Amino acid sequence: MGFIVEFWDYMRVRKKFWLLPVFMVMILVGGLLVLTKGSAVAPFIYTLF
């Protein structure tokens, strides 16, 4: 949780709010790959990338 607070403070102080969508997409793609690993849906997910 400390990383999220530090990341938010960095964005707020340095006015780098464009990093938020990049960070969120990285989290979503990573979570999608972790959740579908070894499942029957995995081949369909991998074709998207």
Protein backbone atom coordinates (compact mmCIF):
# COMPACT_ATOMS: atom_id res chain seq x y z
CA MET A 1 0.00 0.00 0.00
CA GLY A 2 2.94 2.31 0.60
CA PHE A 3 3.94 2.15 -3.06
CA ILE A 4 0.52 3.43 -4.15
CA VAL A 5 0.71 6.37 -1.75
CA GLU A 6 4.24 7.27 -2.87
CA PHE A 7 3.25 6.93 -6.53
CA TRP A 8 0.25 9.21 -6.02
CA ASP A 9 2.39 11.80 -4.19
CA TYR A 10 4.95 11.70 -7.02
CA MET A 11 2.26 12.29 -9.64
CA ARG A 12 0.63 15.06 -7.64
CA VAL A 13 3.85 16.95 -6.89
CA ARG A 14 5.44 16.59 -10.33
CA LYS A 15 2.15 16.99 -12.29
CA LYS A 16 2.63 13.68 -14.11
CA PHE A 17 -0.98 12.53 -14.14
CA TRP A 18 -0.51 10.98 -17.58
CA LEU A 19 1.27 8.10 -15.79
CA LEU A 20 -1.97 6.95 -14.14
CA PRO A 21 -3.58 5.41 -17.26
CA VAL A 22 -0.29 3.74 -18.21
CA PHE A 23 0.02 2.26 -14.73
CA MET A 24 -3.60 1.08 -14.70
CA VAL A 25 -3.28 -0.65 -18.10
CA MET A 26 -0.12 -2.41 -16.93
CA ILE A 27 -1.95 -3.63 -13.80
CA LEU A 28 -4.97 -4.83 -15.79
CA VAL A 29 -2.93 -6.68 -18.42
CA GLY A 30 -0.73 -8.26 -15.76
CA GLY A 31 -3.74 -9.34 -13.73
CA LEU A 32 -5.42 -10.74 -16.82
CA LEU A 33 -2.36 -12.79 -17.70
CA VAL A 34 -1.99 -14.10 -14.15
CA LEU A 35 -5.66 -15.03 -13.83
CA THR A 36 -5.85 -16.83 -17.17
CA LYS A 37 -2.62 -18.77 -16.83
CA GLY A 38 -3.36 -22.45 -17.14
CA SER A 39 -7.04 -22.01 -17.93
CA ALA A 40 -9.04 -22.89 -21.03
CA VAL A 41 -9.37 -19.18 -21.85
CA ALA A 42 -5.59 -18.62 -22.09
CA PRO A 43 -5.19 -19.34 -25.84
CA PHE A 44 -7.86 -16.77 -26.65
CA ILE A 45 -6.29 -14.14 -24.41
CA TYR A 46 -2.80 -14.68 -25.87
CA THR A 47 -4.09 -14.05 -29.38
CA LEU A 48 -5.00 -10.51 -28.34
CA PHE A 49 -1.36 -9.73 -27.71
